[in-house]
Amino acid sequence: MQIPDSLTASSPAATKQFASKLAKEIARTSSDRARVIALSGNLGAGKTTFTQGFAKALGIERPVQSPTFVIMKIYELKKKYLKHLVHIDAYRIETPEELNHLGFQKLLEDKDAVILIEWADRVKKILPQDTTWITFEHGKTMTERSIAFLKHK
């Protein structure tokens, strides 16, 4: 799948559909360490909706909610190249070092993991250079979202 520079999702379902396509592509590729996807944008802009679509495409059937108070949730997967989905919500993180205290550097070594980080701007300085950045913005209508992609930020 070729990742576009940007797209407009007309609804939460369209955001989830794009996330699903991206998740399936990532699940088909091997890596020598965890893949990191940094999600940024204002409150209610689509970060959790994207994560829900991504998780469902990887086979997670239980509800996925933002781990705002627990900071991180790890889901077990049964994919060829992915065994773990790590969902991090950095909203309550005061400094990037706090994420390191939770074992973030060790998570990066897991070649069978994909790490989705909501509010990733808060921990930007400790993210790998090859992090894929996805920025969400409110669109022209109540349900529309503008989604932009950067390989590095």
N, C-alpha and C. Protein backbone atom coordinates (compact mmCIF):
# COMPACT_ATOMS: atom_id res chain seq x y z
N MET A 1 0.84 -1.18 0.00
CA MET A 1 0.00 0.00 0.00
C MET A 1 0.89 1.24 0.00
N GLN A 2 0.60 2.13 -0.87
CA GLN A 2 1.31 3.40 -0.92
C GLN A 2 0.61 4.37 0.03
N ILE A 3 1.35 4.89 1.01
CA ILE A 3 0.77 5.83 1.96
C ILE A 3 0.74 7.20 1.30
N PRO A 4 -0.44 7.81 1.23
CA PRO A 4 -0.53 9.15 0.63
C PRO A 4 0.04 10.20 1.57
N ASP A 5 0.32 11.38 1.06
CA ASP A 5 0.77 12.48 1.91
C ASP A 5 -0.35 12.94 2.83
N SER A 6 -1.57 12.89 2.32
CA SER A 6 -2.72 13.29 3.13
C SER A 6 -3.99 12.72 2.51
N LEU A 7 -5.03 12.72 3.31
CA LEU A 7 -6.34 12.30 2.82
C LEU A 7 -7.40 12.92 3.70
N THR A 8 -8.63 12.90 3.21
CA THR A 8 -9.76 13.37 3.98
C THR A 8 -10.67 12.18 4.23
N ALA A 9 -10.95 11.92 5.50
CA ALA A 9 -11.87 10.84 5.88
C ALA A 9 -13.22 11.50 6.18
N SER A 10 -14.26 11.03 5.52
CA SER A 10 -15.57 11.66 5.66
C SER A 10 -16.32 11.23 6.90
N SER A 11 -15.82 10.18 7.56
CA SER A 11 -16.53 9.64 8.73
C SER A 11 -15.56 8.82 9.58
N PRO A 12 -15.98 8.50 10.81
CA PRO A 12 -15.14 7.60 11.62
C PRO A 12 -14.91 6.26 10.92
N ALA A 13 -15.91 5.76 10.21
CA ALA A 13 -15.74 4.49 9.49
C ALA A 13 -14.65 4.59 8.43
N ALA A 14 -14.56 5.73 7.76
CA ALA A 14 -13.51 5.93 6.75
C ALA A 14 -12.13 6.00 7.40
N THR A 15 -12.05 6.62 8.57
CA THR A 15 -10.78 6.66 9.31
C THR A 15 -10.36 5.24 9.69
N LYS A 16 -11.31 4.46 10.19
CA LYS A 16 -11.01 3.07 10.57
C LYS A 16 -10.62 2.23 9.36
N GLN A 17 -11.26 2.50 8.23
CA GLN A 17 -10.95 1.73 7.02
C GLN A 17 -9.51 1.99 6.57
N PHE A 18 -9.08 3.25 6.61
CA PHE A 18 -7.69 3.54 6.25
C PHE A 18 -6.74 2.87 7.24
N ALA A 19 -7.05 2.98 8.54
CA ALA A 19 -6.21 2.36 9.57
C ALA A 19 -6.10 0.86 9.34
N SER A 20 -7.19 0.23 8.95
CA SER A 20 -7.21 -1.20 8.67
C SER A 20 -6.26 -1.55 7.54
N LYS A 21 -6.29 -0.77 6.48
CA LYS A 21 -5.40 -1.04 5.35
C LYS A 21 -3.94 -0.89 5.76
N LEU A 22 -3.64 0.13 6.53
CA LEU A 22 -2.26 0.33 6.99
C LEU A 22 -1.82 -0.82 7.91
N ALA A 23 -2.69 -1.23 8.82
CA ALA A 23 -2.36 -2.33 9.74
C ALA A 23 -2.08 -3.61 8.97
N LYS A 24 -2.89 -3.91 7.99
CA LYS A 24 -2.69 -5.15 7.22
C LYS A 24 -1.38 -5.11 6.45
N GLU A 25 -1.01 -3.94 5.94
CA GLU A 25 0.27 -3.80 5.24
C GLU A 25 1.44 -4.01 6.20
N ILE A 26 1.38 -3.39 7.37
CA ILE A 26 2.44 -3.53 8.36
C ILE A 26 2.56 -4.98 8.83
N ALA A 27 1.43 -5.65 8.98
CA ALA A 27 1.43 -7.04 9.46
C ALA A 27 2.10 -7.99 8.48
N ARG A 28 2.23 -7.58 7.23
CA ARG A 28 2.85 -8.44 6.21
C ARG A 28 4.36 -8.23 6.07
N THR A 29 4.92 -7.33 6.84
CA THR A 29 6.33 -7.02 6.66
C THR A 29 7.12 -7.30 7.94
N SER A 30 8.33 -7.80 7.75
CA SER A 30 9.20 -8.05 8.90
C SER A 30 10.02 -6.80 9.20
N SER A 31 10.56 -6.75 10.40
CA SER A 31 11.39 -5.62 10.81
C SER A 31 12.40 -6.12 11.83
N ASP A 32 13.48 -5.36 12.00
CA ASP A 32 14.48 -5.76 12.99
C ASP A 32 14.20 -5.14 14.36
N ARG A 33 13.15 -4.30 14.44
CA ARG A 33 12.70 -3.76 15.73
C ARG A 33 11.26 -3.30 15.59
N ALA A 34 10.69 -2.82 16.65
CA ALA A 34 9.28 -2.40 16.65
C ALA A 34 9.06 -1.28 15.64
N ARG A 35 7.89 -1.30 15.02
CA ARG A 35 7.48 -0.20 14.16
C ARG A 35 6.73 0.79 15.04
N VAL A 36 7.01 2.07 14.89
CA VAL A 36 6.39 3.09 15.73
C VAL A 36 5.55 4.01 14.85
N ILE A 37 4.30 4.18 15.26
CA ILE A 37 3.39 5.09 14.58
C ILE A 37 2.96 6.14 15.59
N ALA A 38 3.32 7.38 15.32
CA ALA A 38 3.03 8.49 16.22
C ALA A 38 1.78 9.21 15.73
N LEU A 39 0.80 9.32 16.61
CA LEU A 39 -0.46 9.97 16.27
C LEU A 39 -0.55 11.30 17.00
N SER A 40 -0.82 12.36 16.24
CA SER A 40 -0.94 13.67 16.88
C SER A 40 -2.19 14.37 16.35
N GLY A 41 -2.68 15.31 17.13
CA GLY A 41 -3.87 16.06 16.76
C GLY A 41 -4.65 16.46 18.00
N ASN A 42 -5.56 17.38 17.82
CA ASN A 42 -6.36 17.87 18.93
C ASN A 42 -7.30 16.81 19.49
N LEU A 43 -7.83 17.08 20.65
CA LEU A 43 -8.81 16.19 21.28
C LEU A 43 -9.97 15.95 20.33
N GLY A 44 -10.33 14.69 20.15
CA GLY A 44 -11.46 14.33 19.31
C GLY A 44 -11.19 14.37 17.82
N ALA A 45 -9.92 14.45 17.43
CA ALA A 45 -9.59 14.57 16.00
C ALA A 45 -9.48 13.24 15.28
N GLY A 46 -9.49 12.11 16.00
CA GLY A 46 -9.50 10.82 15.32
C GLY A 46 -8.40 9.84 15.69
N LYS A 47 -7.56 10.18 16.66
CA LYS A 47 -6.44 9.30 17.03
C LYS A 47 -6.93 7.95 17.56
N THR A 48 -7.88 7.97 18.47
CA THR A 48 -8.39 6.71 19.03
C THR A 48 -9.21 5.95 18.00
N THR A 49 -9.98 6.65 17.19
CA THR A 49 -10.75 6.00 16.13
C THR A 49 -9.81 5.26 15.18
N PHE A 50 -8.72 5.91 14.80
CA PHE A 50 -7.71 5.27 13.96
C PHE A 50 -7.17 4.01 14.65
N THR A 51 -6.82 4.13 15.92
CA THR A 51 -6.27 3.01 16.68
C THR A 51 -7.26 1.85 16.73
N GLN A 52 -8.53 2.15 16.89
CA GLN A 52 -9.56 1.09 16.94
C GLN A 52 -9.62 0.33 15.62
N GLY A 53 -9.57 1.05 14.50
CA GLY A 53 -9.57 0.38 13.20
C GLY A 53 -8.32 -0.43 12.97
N PHE A 54 -7.19 0.09 13.40
CA PHE A 54 -5.91 -0.59 13.28
C PHE A 54 -5.93 -1.89 14.09
N ALA A 55 -6.39 -1.81 15.33
CA ALA A 55 -6.43 -2.98 16.22
C ALA A 55 -7.38 -4.05 15.69
N LYS A 56 -8.53 -3.64 15.23
CA LYS A 56 -9.50 -4.61 14.72
C LYS A 56 -8.94 -5.36 13.52
N ALA A 57 -8.22 -4.66 12.64
CA ALA A 57 -7.62 -5.30 11.47
C ALA A 57 -6.57 -6.32 11.86
N LEU A 58 -5.96 -6.15 13.03
CA LEU A 58 -4.95 -7.10 13.51
C LEU A 58 -5.56 -8.25 14.31
N GLY A 59 -6.89 -8.26 14.42
CA GLY A 59 -7.57 -9.37 15.08
C GLY A 59 -7.98 -9.13 16.52
N ILE A 60 -7.86 -7.92 17.00
CA ILE A 60 -8.27 -7.62 18.37
C ILE A 60 -9.78 -7.41 18.37
N GLU A 61 -10.48 -8.27 19.08
CA GLU A 61 -11.93 -8.23 19.06
C GLU A 61 -12.54 -7.44 20.21
N ARG A 62 -11.82 -7.33 21.31
CA ARG A 62 -12.37 -6.59 22.45
C ARG A 62 -12.29 -5.08 22.18
N PRO A 63 -13.11 -4.31 22.86
CA PRO A 63 -13.09 -2.85 22.64
C PRO A 63 -11.72 -2.24 22.97
N VAL A 64 -11.27 -1.34 22.12
CA VAL A 64 -10.01 -0.65 22.32
C VAL A 64 -10.33 0.80 22.66
N GLN A 65 -9.92 1.20 23.84
CA GLN A 65 -10.10 2.59 24.27
C GLN A 65 -8.74 3.16 24.60
N SER A 66 -8.66 4.48 24.57
CA SER A 66 -7.39 5.13 24.86
C SER A 66 -6.98 4.85 26.31
N PRO A 67 -5.74 4.40 26.52
CA PRO A 67 -5.29 4.10 27.88
C PRO A 67 -4.81 5.35 28.63
N THR A 68 -5.66 6.35 28.68
CA THR A 68 -5.29 7.65 29.25
C THR A 68 -4.77 7.52 30.68
N PHE A 69 -5.40 6.71 31.51
CA PHE A 69 -5.00 6.65 32.92
C PHE A 69 -3.98 5.57 33.21
N VAL A 70 -3.95 4.51 32.40
CA VAL A 70 -2.94 3.47 32.62
C VAL A 70 -1.72 3.69 31.73
N ILE A 71 -1.79 4.63 30.82
CA ILE A 71 -0.74 5.05 29.91
C ILE A 71 -0.50 4.05 28.76
N MET A 72 -0.47 2.75 29.05
CA MET A 72 -0.10 1.77 28.04
C MET A 72 -0.88 0.47 28.20
N LYS A 73 -1.28 -0.09 27.04
CA LYS A 73 -1.89 -1.42 27.00
C LYS A 73 -1.17 -2.21 25.92
N ILE A 74 -0.94 -3.48 26.21
CA ILE A 74 -0.29 -4.35 25.24
C ILE A 74 -1.27 -5.47 24.88
N TYR A 75 -1.50 -5.62 23.59
CA TYR A 75 -2.41 -6.64 23.08
C TYR A 75 -1.60 -7.72 22.38
N GLU A 76 -1.94 -8.97 22.63
CA GLU A 76 -1.28 -10.09 21.97
C GLU A 76 -1.92 -10.30 20.60
N LEU A 77 -1.09 -10.56 19.59
CA LEU A 77 -1.55 -10.77 18.23
C LEU A 77 -1.10 -12.14 17.74
N LYS A 78 -1.74 -12.61 16.68
CA LYS A 78 -1.37 -13.90 16.09
C LYS A 78 -1.07 -13.72 14.61
N LYS A 79 -0.24 -12.75 14.30
CA LYS A 79 0.15 -12.49 12.92
C LYS A 79 1.56 -13.01 12.68
N LYS A 80 1.89 -13.25 11.41
CA LYS A 80 3.20 -13.80 11.08
C LYS A 80 4.33 -12.91 11.60
N TYR A 81 4.27 -11.62 11.32
CA TYR A 81 5.35 -10.71 11.72
C TYR A 81 5.00 -9.80 12.88
N LEU A 82 3.81 -9.91 13.41
CA LEU A 82 3.41 -9.08 14.55
C LEU A 82 2.84 -9.95 15.66
N LYS A 83 3.39 -9.81 16.83
CA LYS A 83 2.91 -10.55 17.99
C LYS A 83 2.34 -9.64 19.06
N HIS A 84 2.64 -8.32 18.96
CA HIS A 84 2.19 -7.38 19.99
C HIS A 84 1.77 -6.06 19.37
N LEU A 85 0.65 -5.55 19.83
CA LEU A 85 0.25 -4.18 19.56
C LEU A 85 0.37 -3.44 20.88
N VAL A 86 1.21 -2.43 20.91
CA VAL A 86 1.39 -1.61 22.11
C VAL A 86 0.68 -0.29 21.85
N HIS A 87 -0.29 0.01 22.69
CA HIS A 87 -1.09 1.24 22.55
C HIS A 87 -0.73 2.15 23.72
N ILE A 88 -0.15 3.30 23.39
CA ILE A 88 0.30 4.24 24.42
C ILE A 88 -0.47 5.55 24.25
N ASP A 89 -0.91 6.10 25.36
CA ASP A 89 -1.51 7.42 25.38
C ASP A 89 -0.60 8.32 26.20
N ALA A 90 0.09 9.24 25.54
CA ALA A 90 1.07 10.09 26.22
C ALA A 90 0.47 11.39 26.74
N TYR A 91 -0.84 11.50 26.74
CA TYR A 91 -1.49 12.75 27.17
C TYR A 91 -1.08 13.16 28.58
N ARG A 92 -0.97 12.20 29.48
CA ARG A 92 -0.63 12.51 30.88
C ARG A 92 0.87 12.47 31.16
N ILE A 93 1.67 12.22 30.14
CA ILE A 93 3.13 12.18 30.30
C ILE A 93 3.65 13.62 30.38
N GLU A 94 4.38 13.91 31.43
CA GLU A 94 4.94 15.27 31.61
C GLU A 94 6.25 15.44 30.84
N THR A 95 7.09 14.40 30.86
CA THR A 95 8.37 14.46 30.15
C THR A 95 8.57 13.13 29.41
N PRO A 96 9.29 13.14 28.29
CA PRO A 96 9.53 11.89 27.56
C PRO A 96 10.20 10.82 28.42
N GLU A 97 11.01 11.24 29.37
CA GLU A 97 11.71 10.28 30.22
C GLU A 97 10.74 9.40 31.02
N GLU A 98 9.57 9.92 31.32
CA GLU A 98 8.57 9.12 32.04
C GLU A 98 8.20 7.88 31.25
N LEU A 99 8.15 8.00 29.93
CA LEU A 99 7.84 6.85 29.09
C LEU A 99 8.98 5.83 29.15
N ASN A 100 10.20 6.32 29.24
CA ASN A 100 11.34 5.40 29.39
C ASN A 100 11.26 4.62 30.70
N HIS A 101 10.76 5.26 31.74
CA HIS A 101 10.60 4.57 33.03
C HIS A 101 9.59 3.42 32.94
N LEU A 102 8.72 3.47 31.94
CA LEU A 102 7.73 2.41 31.73
C LEU A 102 8.25 1.31 30.81
N GLY A 103 9.54 1.38 30.45
CA GLY A 103 10.14 0.33 29.63
C GLY A 103 10.05 0.57 28.13
N PHE A 104 9.88 1.81 27.71
CA PHE A 104 9.71 2.11 26.30
C PHE A 104 10.90 1.64 25.45
N GLN A 105 12.12 1.87 25.92
CA GLN A 105 13.29 1.47 25.14
C GLN A 105 13.31 -0.04 24.90
N LYS A 106 12.89 -0.81 25.88
CA LYS A 106 12.82 -2.26 25.73
C LYS A 106 11.75 -2.64 24.70
N LEU A 107 10.62 -1.93 24.72
CA LEU A 107 9.56 -2.18 23.74
C LEU A 107 10.06 -1.96 22.32
N LEU A 108 10.91 -0.96 22.13
CA LEU A 108 11.44 -0.67 20.79
C LEU A 108 12.27 -1.82 20.23
N GLU A 109 12.82 -2.65 21.10
CA GLU A 109 13.64 -3.78 20.67
C GLU A 109 12.81 -4.96 20.18
N ASP A 110 11.52 -4.94 20.43
CA ASP A 110 10.64 -6.07 20.07
C ASP A 110 10.31 -6.02 18.58
N LYS A 111 11.00 -6.83 17.78
CA LYS A 111 10.80 -6.82 16.34
C LYS A 111 9.41 -7.32 15.93
N ASP A 112 8.69 -7.91 16.85
CA ASP A 112 7.35 -8.43 16.57
C ASP A 112 6.26 -7.49 17.06
N ALA A 113 6.61 -6.22 17.29
CA ALA A 113 5.63 -5.27 17.84
C ALA A 113 5.42 -4.08 16.91
N VAL A 114 4.22 -3.55 17.01
CA VAL A 114 3.93 -2.24 16.45
C VAL A 114 3.45 -1.39 17.62
N ILE A 115 3.95 -0.17 17.69
CA ILE A 115 3.63 0.72 18.80
C ILE A 115 2.87 1.93 18.25
N LEU A 116 1.65 2.11 18.71
CA LEU A 116 0.84 3.28 18.35
C LEU A 116 0.86 4.22 19.55
N ILE A 117 1.23 5.48 19.32
CA ILE A 117 1.32 6.44 20.43
C ILE A 117 0.42 7.63 20.15
N GLU A 118 -0.63 7.76 20.96
CA GLU A 118 -1.48 8.95 20.88
C GLU A 118 -0.80 10.08 21.65
N TRP A 119 -0.99 11.30 21.19
CA TRP A 119 -0.36 12.49 21.79
C TRP A 119 1.17 12.36 21.73
N ALA A 120 1.65 11.84 20.63
CA ALA A 120 3.08 11.54 20.47
C ALA A 120 3.97 12.78 20.51
N ASP A 121 3.43 13.95 20.22
CA ASP A 121 4.25 15.18 20.30
C ASP A 121 4.86 15.35 21.68
N ARG A 122 4.21 14.83 22.70
CA ARG A 122 4.69 14.98 24.07
C ARG A 122 5.98 14.18 24.33
N VAL A 123 6.24 13.16 23.50
CA VAL A 123 7.42 12.30 23.70
C VAL A 123 8.30 12.25 22.45
N LYS A 124 8.14 13.21 21.59
CA LYS A 124 8.81 13.23 20.28
C LYS A 124 10.32 13.02 20.38
N LYS A 125 10.96 13.60 21.38
CA LYS A 125 12.43 13.54 21.41
C LYS A 125 13.00 12.15 21.70
N ILE A 126 12.19 11.19 22.16
CA ILE A 126 12.71 9.84 22.39
C ILE A 126 12.24 8.84 21.34
N LEU A 127 11.49 9.31 20.33
CA LEU A 127 11.00 8.39 19.29
C LEU A 127 12.08 8.15 18.24
N PRO A 128 12.10 6.96 17.67
CA PRO A 128 13.10 6.66 16.63
C PRO A 128 12.93 7.58 15.42
N GLN A 129 14.01 7.79 14.70
CA GLN A 129 13.97 8.66 13.53
C GLN A 129 13.02 8.16 12.46
N ASP A 130 12.85 6.85 12.35
CA ASP A 130 11.99 6.32 11.29
C ASP A 130 10.53 6.18 11.72
N THR A 131 10.15 6.85 12.77
CA THR A 131 8.76 6.85 13.22
C THR A 131 7.87 7.41 12.12
N THR A 132 6.74 6.76 11.90
CA THR A 132 5.74 7.27 10.97
C THR A 132 4.79 8.16 11.74
N TRP A 133 4.66 9.41 11.31
CA TRP A 133 3.80 10.38 11.97
C TRP A 133 2.50 10.54 11.20
N ILE A 134 1.39 10.48 11.93
CA ILE A 134 0.08 10.70 11.35
C ILE A 134 -0.59 11.81 12.17
N THR A 135 -0.96 12.88 11.49
CA THR A 135 -1.57 14.03 12.16
C THR A 135 -3.04 14.12 11.76
N PHE A 136 -3.88 14.29 12.75
CA PHE A 136 -5.33 14.36 12.55
C PHE A 136 -5.82 15.78 12.85
N GLU A 137 -6.70 16.27 11.99
CA GLU A 137 -7.33 17.57 12.22
C GLU A 137 -8.82 17.46 11.95
N HIS A 138 -9.59 18.27 12.65
CA HIS A 138 -11.02 18.33 12.39
C HIS A 138 -11.23 18.87 10.98
N GLY A 139 -12.22 18.33 10.29
CA GLY A 139 -12.52 18.75 8.92
C GLY A 139 -13.61 19.80 8.87
N LYS A 140 -14.20 19.94 7.70
CA LYS A 140 -15.23 20.95 7.47
C LYS A 140 -16.58 20.59 8.09
N THR A 141 -16.82 19.30 8.25
CA THR A 141 -18.07 18.86 8.87
C THR A 141 -17.76 18.19 10.20
N MET A 142 -18.81 17.89 10.94
CA MET A 142 -18.66 17.29 12.26
C MET A 142 -17.89 15.96 12.22
N THR A 143 -18.07 15.17 11.16
CA THR A 143 -17.45 13.85 11.10
C THR A 143 -16.22 13.78 10.21
N GLU A 144 -15.94 14.83 9.46
CA GLU A 144 -14.80 14.81 8.54
C GLU A 144 -13.49 15.06 9.27
N ARG A 145 -12.44 14.34 8.84
CA ARG A 145 -11.11 14.50 9.40
C ARG A 145 -10.09 14.60 8.28
N SER A 146 -9.14 15.51 8.47
CA SER A 146 -8.00 15.62 7.57
C SER A 146 -6.86 14.84 8.22
N ILE A 147 -6.25 13.96 7.45
CA ILE A 147 -5.19 13.09 7.97
C ILE A 147 -3.95 13.30 7.11
N ALA A 148 -2.84 13.65 7.75
CA ALA A 148 -1.58 13.90 7.04
C ALA A 148 -0.52 12.93 7.54
N PHE A 149 0.39 12.53 6.65
CA PHE A 149 1.41 11.54 6.96
C PHE A 149 2.80 12.09 6.72
N LEU A 150 3.69 11.78 7.65
CA LEU A 150 5.10 12.12 7.50
C LEU A 150 5.90 10.91 7.94
N LYS A 151 6.93 10.56 7.20
CA LYS A 151 7.78 9.45 7.62
C LYS A 151 8.65 9.88 8.79
N HIS A 152 9.09 11.12 8.81
CA HIS A 152 9.92 11.65 9.90
C HIS A 152 9.37 13.01 10.27
N LYS A 153 9.51 13.37 11.52
CA LYS A 153 9.04 14.70 11.95
C LYS A 153 10.12 15.41 12.72
